[in-house]
Structures are given as C-alpha cells and as structure tokens.
Amino acid sequence: MTATNDAPDPHTTATATAEERWQHIEDRLAAIEHRVREQSSTAIATLDTCLGRLDALRRDLAHGPWPPQAFPAPADPASLPPQPTRTPAESPTAHARG
C-alpha cells in the first residue's frame, strides 16, 4: 500500500511474481541507459563545438597576421556550459595556498 492511495504497488507486494519484479528492474535499467546515452551525446556535442572553436583559433593564430587585427566574436553564452562562480572575497590563489 502507498501513502497516497489504497492501491497496492505490484512491485512491492508478496503477490507480484518474480517475473514481474525482474521486468520492472529491466525497464528501469533501460530507462537509465537511455538517459545516459542522451546526456553523453549532449556532452560529446558540446566538446566537439569547443574543440572546433579551438582548432579555428589555432589556425587563425598560426596563419593570420601578427598581432591579430580583429578578435573573433565571443561565443553565445547560452551554448557554453555554466562556469563555477566565486564569491567576491575568494581569490584565485586561495585554493593553491589552502
């Protein structure tokens, strides 16, 4: 029984067969596998984008005039992963001294 209604949960009652319990476990594992694939695909796409930008910058620096005459436009902030924030009192060397 659950706290929200009087219907028994088929996965926790003694009447659920072993086959039903295993099917529930397999279904959960399939859902987890699907989420992992989605998230890893997103992470790989983000890394590919960043590596492409770095490669373009490397080519510009290697073959362009020196010093550079124009700087590339900044990336769209919405396409970049969030950066960790520091409190105003925290200095960049505080962790190195720690």
PDB file of N, CA and C in Angstrom:
ATOM      1  N   MET A   1       0.845  -1.182   0.000  1.00  0.00           N
ATOM      2  CA  MET A   1       0.000   0.000   0.000  1.00  0.00           C
ATOM      3  C   MET A   1       0.890   1.245   0.000  1.00  0.00           C
ATOM      4  N   THR A   2       0.367   2.279  -0.609  1.00  0.00           N
ATOM      5  CA  THR A   2       1.104   3.539  -0.620  1.00  0.00           C
ATOM      6  C   THR A   2       0.387   4.550   0.250  1.00  0.00           C
ATOM      7  N   ALA A   3       1.096   5.628   0.555  1.00  0.00           N
ATOM      8  CA  ALA A   3       0.517   6.655   1.419  1.00  0.00           C
ATOM      9  C   ALA A   3      -0.489   7.517   0.657  1.00  0.00           C
ATOM     10  N   THR A   4      -0.440   7.518  -0.680  1.00  0.00           N
ATOM     11  CA  THR A   4      -1.312   8.419  -1.437  1.00  0.00           C
ATOM     12  C   THR A   4      -2.643   7.785  -1.829  1.00  0.00           C
ATOM     13  N   ASN A   5      -2.692   6.473  -1.915  1.00  0.00           N
ATOM     14  CA  ASN A   5      -3.960   5.825  -2.258  1.00  0.00           C
ATOM     15  C   ASN A   5      -3.976   4.411  -1.674  1.00  0.00           C
ATOM     16  N   ASP A   6      -5.084   3.724  -1.865  1.00  0.00           N
ATOM     17  CA  ASP A   6      -5.210   2.388  -1.294  1.00  0.00           C
ATOM     18  C   ASP A   6      -4.837   1.286  -2.271  1.00  0.00           C
ATOM     19  N   ALA A   7      -4.352   1.637  -3.463  1.00  0.00           N
ATOM     20  CA  ALA A   7      -3.976   0.621  -4.443  1.00  0.00           C
ATOM     21  C   ALA A   7      -2.629   0.013  -4.064  1.00  0.00           C
ATOM     22  N   PRO A   8      -2.541  -1.296  -4.084  1.00  0.00           N
ATOM     23  CA  PRO A   8      -1.253  -1.918  -3.748  1.00  0.00           C
ATOM     24  C   PRO A   8      -0.248  -1.713  -4.882  1.00  0.00           C
ATOM     25  N   ASP A   9       0.997  -1.588  -4.523  1.00  0.00           N
ATOM     26  CA  ASP A   9       2.072  -1.458  -5.501  1.00  0.00           C
ATOM     27  C   ASP A   9       2.448  -2.866  -5.944  1.00  0.00           C
ATOM     28  N   PRO A  10       2.308  -3.204  -7.234  1.00  0.00           N
ATOM     29  CA  PRO A  10       2.556  -4.576  -7.667  1.00  0.00           C
ATOM     30  C   PRO A  10       4.018  -4.991  -7.535  1.00  0.00           C
ATOM     31  N   HIS A  11       4.930  -4.049  -7.375  1.00  0.00           N
ATOM     32  CA  HIS A  11       6.352  -4.393  -7.290  1.00  0.00           C
ATOM     33  C   HIS A  11       6.819  -4.611  -5.859  1.00  0.00           C
ATOM     34  N   THR A  12       5.975  -4.317  -4.898  1.00  0.00           N
ATOM     35  CA  THR A  12       6.389  -4.497  -3.513  1.00  0.00           C
ATOM     36  C   THR A  12       5.505  -5.483  -2.758  1.00  0.00           C
ATOM     37  N   THR A  13       4.437  -5.931  -3.368  1.00  0.00           N
ATOM     38  CA  THR A  13       3.550  -6.850  -2.662  1.00  0.00           C
ATOM     39  C   THR A  13       4.040  -8.272  -2.822  1.00  0.00           C
ATOM     40  N   ALA A  14       3.617  -9.110  -1.940  1.00  0.00           N
ATOM     41  CA  ALA A  14       4.013 -10.513  -1.983  1.00  0.00           C
ATOM     42  C   ALA A  14       3.376 -11.230  -3.160  1.00  0.00           C
ATOM     43  N   THR A  15       2.302 -10.668  -3.739  1.00  0.00           N
ATOM     44  CA  THR A  15       1.623 -11.329  -4.846  1.00  0.00           C
ATOM     45  C   THR A  15       2.317 -11.106  -6.174  1.00  0.00           C
ATOM     46  N   ALA A  16       3.232 -10.153  -6.266  1.00  0.00           N
ATOM     47  CA  ALA A  16       3.957  -9.912  -7.509  1.00  0.00           C
ATOM     48  C   ALA A  16       4.871 -11.098  -7.783  1.00  0.00           C
ATOM     49  N   THR A  17       4.849 -11.551  -8.998  1.00  0.00           N
ATOM     50  CA  THR A  17       5.691 -12.695  -9.342  1.00  0.00           C
ATOM     51  C   THR A  17       7.126 -12.243  -9.542  1.00  0.00           C
ATOM     52  N   ALA A  18       8.011 -13.195  -9.504  1.00  0.00           N
ATOM     53  CA  ALA A  18       9.429 -12.894  -9.721  1.00  0.00           C
ATOM     54  C   ALA A  18       9.628 -12.318 -11.117  1.00  0.00           C
ATOM     55  N   GLU A  19       8.879 -12.822 -12.089  1.00  0.00           N
ATOM     56  CA  GLU A  19       8.996 -12.325 -13.453  1.00  0.00           C
ATOM     57  C   GLU A  19       8.603 -10.855 -13.540  1.00  0.00           C
ATOM     58  N   GLU A  20       7.548 -10.453 -12.838  1.00  0.00           N
ATOM     59  CA  GLU A  20       7.131  -9.050 -12.832  1.00  0.00           C
ATOM     60  C   GLU A  20       8.192  -8.168 -12.193  1.00  0.00           C
ATOM     61  N   ARG A  21       8.789  -8.638 -11.112  1.00  0.00           N
ATOM     62  CA  ARG A  21       9.831  -7.851 -10.447  1.00  0.00           C
ATOM     63  C   ARG A  21      11.042  -7.688 -11.361  1.00  0.00           C
ATOM     64  N   TRP A  22      11.451  -8.762 -12.040  1.00  0.00           N
ATOM     65  CA  TRP A  22      12.585  -8.677 -12.942  1.00  0.00           C
ATOM     66  C   TRP A  22      12.262  -7.766 -14.128  1.00  0.00           C
ATOM     67  N   GLN A  23      11.039  -7.830 -14.628  1.00  0.00           N
ATOM     68  CA  GLN A  23      10.645  -6.957 -15.736  1.00  0.00           C
ATOM     69  C   GLN A  23      10.730  -5.494 -15.317  1.00  0.00           C
ATOM     70  N   HIS A  24      10.300  -5.214 -14.093  1.00  0.00           N
ATOM     71  CA  HIS A  24      10.384  -3.840 -13.575  1.00  0.00           C
ATOM     72  C   HIS A  24      11.850  -3.395 -13.514  1.00  0.00           C
ATOM     73  N   ILE A  25      12.719  -4.255 -13.050  1.00  0.00           N
ATOM     74  CA  ILE A  25      14.154  -3.924 -12.966  1.00  0.00           C
ATOM     75  C   ILE A  25      14.722  -3.693 -14.364  1.00  0.00           C
ATOM     76  N   GLU A  26      14.374  -4.545 -15.317  1.00  0.00           N
ATOM     77  CA  GLU A  26      14.867  -4.382 -16.686  1.00  0.00           C
ATOM     78  C   GLU A  26      14.350  -3.084 -17.307  1.00  0.00           C
ATOM     79  N   ASP A  27      13.116  -2.737 -17.027  1.00  0.00           N
ATOM     80  CA  ASP A  27      12.556  -1.486 -17.543  1.00  0.00           C
ATOM     81  C   ASP A  27      13.301  -0.281 -16.977  1.00  0.00           C
ATOM     82  N   ARG A  28      13.584  -0.329 -15.698  1.00  0.00           N
ATOM     83  CA  ARG A  28      14.330   0.775 -15.060  1.00  0.00           C
ATOM     84  C   ARG A  28      15.732   0.886 -15.643  1.00  0.00           C
ATOM     85  N   LEU A  29      16.402  -0.256 -15.848  1.00  0.00           N
ATOM     86  CA  LEU A  29      17.747  -0.242 -16.429  1.00  0.00           C
ATOM     87  C   LEU A  29      17.720   0.325 -17.848  1.00  0.00           C
ATOM     88  N   ALA A  30      16.711  -0.016 -18.627  1.00  0.00           N
ATOM     89  CA  ALA A  30      16.596   0.520 -19.982  1.00  0.00           C
ATOM     90  C   ALA A  30      16.400   2.034 -19.944  1.00  0.00           C
ATOM     91  N   ALA A  31      15.616   2.523 -19.001  1.00  0.00           N
ATOM     92  CA  ALA A  31      15.404   3.968 -18.872  1.00  0.00           C
ATOM     93  C   ALA A  31      16.700   4.681 -18.478  1.00  0.00           C
ATOM     94  N   ILE A  32      17.459   4.078 -17.583  1.00  0.00           N
ATOM     95  CA  ILE A  32      18.740   4.657 -17.164  1.00  0.00           C
ATOM     96  C   ILE A  32      19.705   4.688 -18.346  1.00  0.00           C
ATOM     97  N   GLU A  33      19.764   3.588 -19.097  1.00  0.00           N
ATOM     98  CA  GLU A  33      20.646   3.520 -20.261  1.00  0.00           C
ATOM     99  C   GLU A  33      20.274   4.604 -21.275  1.00  0.00           C
ATOM    100  N   HIS A  34      18.996   4.819 -21.486  1.00  0.00           N
ATOM    101  CA  HIS A  34      18.535   5.851 -22.418  1.00  0.00           C
ATOM    102  C   HIS A  34      18.981   7.239 -21.953  1.00  0.00           C
ATOM    103  N   ARG A  35      18.835   7.521 -20.657  1.00  0.00           N
ATOM    104  CA  ARG A  35      19.257   8.829 -20.116  1.00  0.00           C
ATOM    105  C   ARG A  35      20.759   9.023 -20.257  1.00  0.00           C
ATOM    106  N   VAL A  36      21.531   7.969 -19.985  1.00  0.00           N
ATOM    107  CA  VAL A  36      22.989   8.066 -20.091  1.00  0.00           C
ATOM    108  C   VAL A  36      23.388   8.366 -21.532  1.00  0.00           C
ATOM    109  N   ARG A  37      22.757   7.688 -22.485  1.00  0.00           N
ATOM    110  CA  ARG A  37      23.073   7.942 -23.897  1.00  0.00           C
ATOM    111  C   ARG A  37      22.728   9.373 -24.290  1.00  0.00           C
ATOM    112  N   GLU A  38      21.584   9.875 -23.860  1.00  0.00           N
ATOM    113  CA  GLU A  38      21.202  11.253 -24.179  1.00  0.00           C
ATOM    114  C   GLU A  38      22.204  12.247 -23.605  1.00  0.00           C
ATOM    115  N   GLN A  39      22.541  12.078 -22.335  1.00  0.00           N
ATOM    116  CA  GLN A  39      23.442  13.017 -21.680  1.00  0.00           C
ATOM    117  C   GLN A  39      24.848  12.935 -22.254  1.00  0.00           C
ATOM    118  N   SER A  40      25.320  11.738 -22.577  1.00  0.00           N
ATOM    119  CA  SER A  40      26.664  11.627 -23.139  1.00  0.00           C
ATOM    120  C   SER A  40      26.700  12.201 -24.551  1.00  0.00           C
ATOM    121  N   SER A  41      25.627  12.047 -25.314  1.00  0.00           N
ATOM    122  CA  SER A  41      25.569  12.645 -26.653  1.00  0.00           C
ATOM    123  C   SER A  41      25.624  14.166 -26.565  1.00  0.00           C
ATOM    124  N   THR A  42      24.920  14.728 -25.606  1.00  0.00           N
ATOM    125  CA  THR A  42      24.942  16.176 -25.404  1.00  0.00           C
ATOM    126  C   THR A  42      26.337  16.643 -25.007  1.00  0.00           C
ATOM    127  N   ALA A  43      26.980  15.914 -24.110  1.00  0.00           N
ATOM    128  CA  ALA A  43      28.328  16.284 -23.664  1.00  0.00           C
ATOM    129  C   ALA A  43      29.328  16.193 -24.821  1.00  0.00           C
ATOM    130  N   ILE A  44      29.221  15.158 -25.627  1.00  0.00           N
ATOM    131  CA  ILE A  44      30.128  14.997 -26.763  1.00  0.00           C
ATOM    132  C   ILE A  44      29.923  16.115 -27.778  1.00  0.00           C
ATOM    133  N   ALA A  45      28.678  16.491 -28.032  1.00  0.00           N
ATOM    134  CA  ALA A  45      28.400  17.583 -28.967  1.00  0.00           C
ATOM    135  C   ALA A  45      28.987  18.894 -28.452  1.00  0.00           C
ATOM    136  N   THR A  46      28.875  19.147 -27.155  1.00  0.00           N
ATOM    137  CA  THR A  46      29.442  20.361 -26.566  1.00  0.00           C
ATOM    138  C   THR A  46      30.961  20.364 -26.700  1.00  0.00           C
ATOM    139  N   LEU A  47      31.589  19.220 -26.420  1.00  0.00           N
ATOM    140  CA  LEU A  47      33.042  19.124 -26.558  1.00  0.00           C
ATOM    141  C   LEU A  47      33.475  19.317 -28.008  1.00  0.00           C
ATOM    142  N   ASP A  48      32.734  18.735 -28.948  1.00  0.00           N
ATOM    143  CA  ASP A  48      33.059  18.914 -30.367  1.00  0.00           C
ATOM    144  C   ASP A  48      32.998  20.379 -30.767  1.00  0.00           C
ATOM    145  N   THR A  49      31.996  21.097 -30.272  1.00  0.00           N
ATOM    146  CA  THR A  49      31.868  22.522 -30.572  1.00  0.00           C
ATOM    147  C   THR A  49      33.066  23.291 -30.025  1.00  0.00           C
ATOM    148  N   CYS A  50      33.418  23.013 -28.779  1.00  0.00           N
ATOM    149  CA  CYS A  50      34.563  23.711 -28.169  1.00  0.00           C
ATOM    150  C   CYS A  50      35.864  23.376 -28.893  1.00  0.00           C
ATOM    151  N   LEU A  51      36.048  22.116 -29.256  1.00  0.00           N
ATOM    152  CA  LEU A  51      37.266  21.728 -29.974  1.00  0.00           C
ATOM    153  C   LEU A  51      37.320  22.371 -31.357  1.00  0.00           C
ATOM    154  N   GLY A  52      36.173  22.512 -31.998  1.00  0.00           N
ATOM    155  CA  GLY A  52      36.131  23.193 -33.290  1.00  0.00           C
ATOM    156  C   GLY A  52      36.543  24.653 -33.166  1.00  0.00           C
ATOM    157  N   ARG A  53      36.057  25.302 -32.116  1.00  0.00           N
ATOM    158  CA  ARG A  53      36.450  26.700 -31.885  1.00  0.00           C
ATOM    159  C   ARG A  53      37.943  26.821 -31.602  1.00  0.00           C
ATOM    160  N   LEU A  54      38.476  25.906 -30.798  1.00  0.00           N
ATOM    161  CA  LEU A  54      39.909  25.932 -30.504  1.00  0.00           C
ATOM    162  C   LEU A  54      40.733  25.691 -31.762  1.00  0.00           C
ATOM    163  N   ASP A  55      40.288  24.775 -32.615  1.00  0.00           N
ATOM    164  CA  ASP A  55      41.002  24.486 -33.849  1.00  0.00           C
ATOM    165  C   ASP A  55      40.983  25.705 -34.770  1.00  0.00           C
ATOM    166  N   ALA A  56      39.834  26.374 -34.877  1.00  0.00           N
ATOM    167  CA  ALA A  56      39.745  27.590 -35.696  1.00  0.00           C
ATOM    168  C   ALA A  56      40.663  28.683 -35.147  1.00  0.00           C
ATOM    169  N   LEU A  57      40.712  28.828 -33.842  1.00  0.00           N
ATOM    170  CA  LEU A  57      41.598  29.814 -33.223  1.00  0.00           C
ATOM    171  C   LEU A  57      43.062  29.467 -33.482  1.00  0.00           C
ATOM    172  N   ARG A  58      43.397  28.189 -33.369  1.00  0.00           N
ATOM    173  CA  ARG A  58      44.775  27.744 -33.627  1.00  0.00           C
ATOM    174  C   ARG A  58      45.175  28.073 -35.062  1.00  0.00           C
ATOM    175  N   ARG A  59      44.275  27.792 -36.027  1.00  0.00           N
ATOM    176  CA  ARG A  59      44.572  28.098 -37.434  1.00  0.00           C
ATOM    177  C   ARG A  59      44.744  29.597 -37.638  1.00  0.00           C
ATOM    178  N   ASP A  60      43.861  30.388 -37.020  1.00  0.00           N
ATOM    179  CA  ASP A  60      43.973  31.847 -37.153  1.00  0.00           C
ATOM    180  C   ASP A  60      45.297  32.349 -36.598  1.00  0.00           C
ATOM    181  N   LEU A  61      45.685  31.830 -35.459  1.00  0.00           N
ATOM    182  CA  LEU A  61      46.939  32.273 -34.846  1.00  0.00           C
ATOM    183  C   LEU A  61      48.150  31.788 -35.640  1.00  0.00           C
ATOM    184  N   ALA A  62      48.061  30.600 -36.226  1.00  0.00           N
ATOM    185  CA  ALA A  62      49.194  30.048 -36.965  1.00  0.00           C
ATOM    186  C   ALA A  62      49.358  30.697 -38.338  1.00  0.00           C
ATOM    187  N   HIS A  63      48.280  31.081 -38.979  1.00  0.00           N
ATOM    188  CA  HIS A  63      48.360  31.549 -40.352  1.00  0.00           C
ATOM    189  C   HIS A  63      47.938  32.993 -40.552  1.00  0.00           C
ATOM    190  N   GLY A  64      47.456  33.629 -39.529  1.00  0.00           N
ATOM    191  CA  GLY A  64      46.993  35.004 -39.669  1.00  0.00           C
ATOM    192  C   GLY A  64      48.106  36.002 -39.409  1.00  0.00           C
ATOM    193  N   PRO A  65      47.809  37.272 -39.623  1.00  0.00           N
ATOM    194  CA  PRO A  65      48.808  38.320 -39.352  1.00  0.00           C
ATOM    195  C   PRO A  65      49.051  38.432 -37.844  1.00  0.00           C
ATOM    196  N   TRP A  66      50.259  38.863 -37.515  1.00  0.00           N
ATOM    197  CA  TRP A  66      50.574  39.033 -36.099  1.00  0.00           C
ATOM    198  C   TRP A  66      50.953  40.471 -35.860  1.00  0.00           C
ATOM    199  N   PRO A  67      50.442  41.163 -34.919  1.00  0.00           N
ATOM    200  CA  PRO A  67      49.375  40.769 -33.992  1.00  0.00           C
ATOM    201  C   PRO A  67      48.044  40.696 -34.725  1.00  0.00           C
ATOM    202  N   PRO A  68      47.098  39.940 -34.184  1.00  0.00           N
ATOM    203  CA  PRO A  68      45.796  39.809 -34.835  1.00  0.00           C
ATOM    204  C   PRO A  68      45.144  41.180 -35.029  1.00  0.00           C
ATOM    205  N   GLN A  69      44.526  41.365 -36.185  1.00  0.00           N
ATOM    206  CA  GLN A  69      43.894  42.647 -36.495  1.00  0.00           C
ATOM    207  C   GLN A  69      42.498  42.751 -35.896  1.00  0.00           C
ATOM    208  N   ALA A  70      41.822  41.624 -35.768  1.00  0.00           N
ATOM    209  CA  ALA A  70      40.462  41.621 -35.208  1.00  0.00           C
ATOM    210  C   ALA A  70      40.301  40.372 -34.355  1.00  0.00           C
ATOM    211  N   PHE A  71      39.566  40.518 -33.312  1.00  0.00           N
ATOM    212  CA  PHE A  71      39.305  39.377 -32.450  1.00  0.00           C
ATOM    213  C   PHE A  71      38.014  38.706 -32.881  1.00  0.00           C
ATOM    214  N   PRO A  72      37.936  37.381 -32.769  1.00  0.00           N
ATOM    215  CA  PRO A  72      36.694  36.695 -33.141  1.00  0.00           C
ATOM    216  C   PRO A  72      35.560  37.090 -32.208  1.00  0.00           C
ATOM    217  N   ALA A  73      34.349  37.005 -32.718  1.00  0.00           N
ATOM    218  CA  ALA A  73      33.176  37.323 -31.897  1.00  0.00           C
ATOM    219  C   ALA A  73      33.079  36.318 -30.761  1.00  0.00           C
ATOM    220  N   PRO A  74      32.691  36.769 -29.577  1.00  0.00           N
ATOM    221  CA  PRO A  74      32.563  35.826 -28.464  1.00  0.00           C
ATOM    222  C   PRO A  74      31.457  34.813 -28.736  1.00  0.00           C
ATOM    223  N   ALA A  75      31.605  33.651 -28.140  1.00  0.00           N
ATOM    224  CA  ALA A  75      30.605  32.594 -28.290  1.00  0.00           C
ATOM    225  C   ALA A  75      29.317  32.998 -27.590  1.00  0.00           C
ATOM    226  N   ASP A  76      28.223  32.454 -28.075  1.00  0.00           N
ATOM    227  CA  ASP A  76      26.915  32.685 -27.455  1.00  0.00           C
ATOM    228  C   ASP A  76      26.937  32.076 -26.054  1.00  0.00           C
ATOM    229  N   PRO A  77      26.727  32.859 -24.994  1.00  0.00           N
ATOM    230  CA  PRO A  77      26.797  32.316 -23.627  1.00  0.00           C
ATOM    231  C   PRO A  77      25.830  31.166 -23.385  1.00  0.00           C
ATOM    232  N   ALA A  78      24.720  31.127 -24.102  1.00  0.00           N
ATOM    233  CA  ALA A  78      23.754  30.049 -23.884  1.00  0.00           C
ATOM    234  C   ALA A  78      24.297  28.714 -24.386  1.00  0.00           C
ATOM    235  N   SER A  79      25.263  28.734 -25.310  1.00  0.00           N
ATOM    236  CA  SER A  79      25.787  27.483 -25.847  1.00  0.00           C
ATOM    237  C   SER A  79      26.945  26.929 -25.025  1.00  0.00           C
ATOM    238  N   LEU A  80      27.456  27.705 -24.097  1.00  0.00           N
ATOM    239  CA  LEU A  80      28.580  27.256 -23.272  1.00  0.00           C
ATOM    240  C   LEU A  80      28.073  26.685 -21.952  1.00  0.00           C
ATOM    241  N   PRO A  81      28.807  25.700 -21.394  1.00  0.00           N
ATOM    242  CA  PRO A  81      28.398  25.173 -20.088  1.00  0.00           C
ATOM    243  C   PRO A  81      28.591  26.228 -19.009  1.00  0.00           C
ATOM    244  N   PRO A  82      27.796  26.169 -17.930  1.00  0.00           N
ATOM    245  CA  PRO A  82      27.935  27.164 -16.863  1.00  0.00           C
ATOM    246  C   PRO A  82      29.293  27.065 -16.185  1.00  0.00           C
ATOM    247  N   GLN A  83      29.831  28.213 -15.823  1.00  0.00           N
ATOM    248  CA  GLN A  83      31.127  28.267 -15.149  1.00  0.00           C
ATOM    249  C   GLN A  83      30.903  28.409 -13.650  1.00  0.00           C
ATOM    250  N   PRO A  84      31.776  27.803 -12.837  1.00  0.00           N
ATOM    251  CA  PRO A  84      31.625  27.968 -11.388  1.00  0.00           C
ATOM    252  C   PRO A  84      31.852  29.424 -11.001  1.00  0.00           C
ATOM    253  N   THR A  85      31.099  29.874 -10.036  1.00  0.00           N
ATOM    254  CA  THR A  85      31.227  31.265  -9.611  1.00  0.00           C
ATOM    255  C   THR A  85      32.006  31.334  -8.308  1.00  0.00           C
ATOM    256  N   ARG A  86      32.671  32.466  -8.132  1.00  0.00           N
ATOM    257  CA  ARG A  86      33.434  32.699  -6.904  1.00  0.00           C
ATOM    258  C   ARG A  86      32.784  33.835  -6.134  1.00  0.00           C
ATOM    259  N   THR A  87      32.907  33.758  -4.841  1.00  0.00           N
ATOM    260  CA  THR A  87      32.414  34.860  -4.025  1.00  0.00           C
ATOM    261  C   THR A  87      33.407  36.008  -4.149  1.00  0.00           C
ATOM    262  N   PRO A  88      32.977  37.250  -3.932  1.00  0.00           N
ATOM    263  CA  PRO A  88      33.895  38.393  -4.072  1.00  0.00           C
ATOM    264  C   PRO A  88      35.117  38.297  -3.160  1.00  0.00           C
ATOM    265  N   ALA A  89      35.012  37.678  -2.001  1.00  0.00           N
ATOM    266  CA  ALA A  89      36.130  37.598  -1.071  1.00  0.00           C
ATOM    267  C   ALA A  89      37.108  36.501  -1.453  1.00  0.00           C
ATOM    268  N   GLU A  90      36.698  35.605  -2.325  1.00  0.00           N
ATOM    269  CA  GLU A  90      37.553  34.476  -2.699  1.00  0.00           C
ATOM    270  C   GLU A  90      38.519  34.902  -3.791  1.00  0.00           C
ATOM    271  N   SER A  91      39.799  34.634  -3.573  1.00  0.00           N
ATOM    272  CA  SER A  91      40.795  34.987  -4.579  1.00  0.00           C
ATOM    273  C   SER A  91      41.186  33.738  -5.367  1.00  0.00           C
ATOM    274  N   PRO A  92      41.697  33.898  -6.582  1.00  0.00           N
ATOM    275  CA  PRO A  92      42.086  32.732  -7.376  1.00  0.00           C
ATOM    276  C   PRO A  92      43.187  31.904  -6.749  1.00  0.00           C
ATOM    277  N   THR A  93      44.018  32.509  -5.912  1.00  0.00           N
ATOM    278  CA  THR A  93      45.126  31.768  -5.295  1.00  0.00           C
ATOM    279  C   THR A  93      44.754  31.194  -3.933  1.00  0.00           C
ATOM    280  N   ALA A  94      43.546  31.432  -3.466  1.00  0.00           N
ATOM    281  CA  ALA A  94      43.156  30.941  -2.144  1.00  0.00           C
ATOM    282  C   ALA A  94      43.200  29.433  -2.066  1.00  0.00           C
ATOM    283  N   HIS A  95      42.816  28.749  -3.145  1.00  0.00           N
ATOM    284  CA  HIS A  95      42.826  27.285  -3.141  1.00  0.00           C
ATOM    285  C   HIS A  95      44.252  26.738  -3.215  1.00  0.00           C
ATOM    286  N   ALA A  96      45.162  27.463  -3.891  1.00  0.00           N
ATOM    287  CA  ALA A  96      46.537  26.997  -4.016  1.00  0.00           C
ATOM    288  C   ALA A  96      47.266  27.067  -2.675  1.00  0.00           C
ATOM    289  N   ARG A  97      46.924  28.069  -1.873  1.00  0.00           N
ATOM    290  CA  ARG A  97      47.589  28.210  -0.571  1.00  0.00           C
ATOM    291  C   ARG A  97      47.027  27.249   0.446  1.00  0.00           C
ATOM    292  N   GLY A  98      45.716  26.877   0.300  1.00  0.00           N
ATOM    293  CA  GLY A  98      44.922  26.134   1.218  1.00  0.00           C
ATOM    294  C   GLY A  98      45.530  25.101   1.994  1.00  0.00           C
TER     295      GLY A  98
END
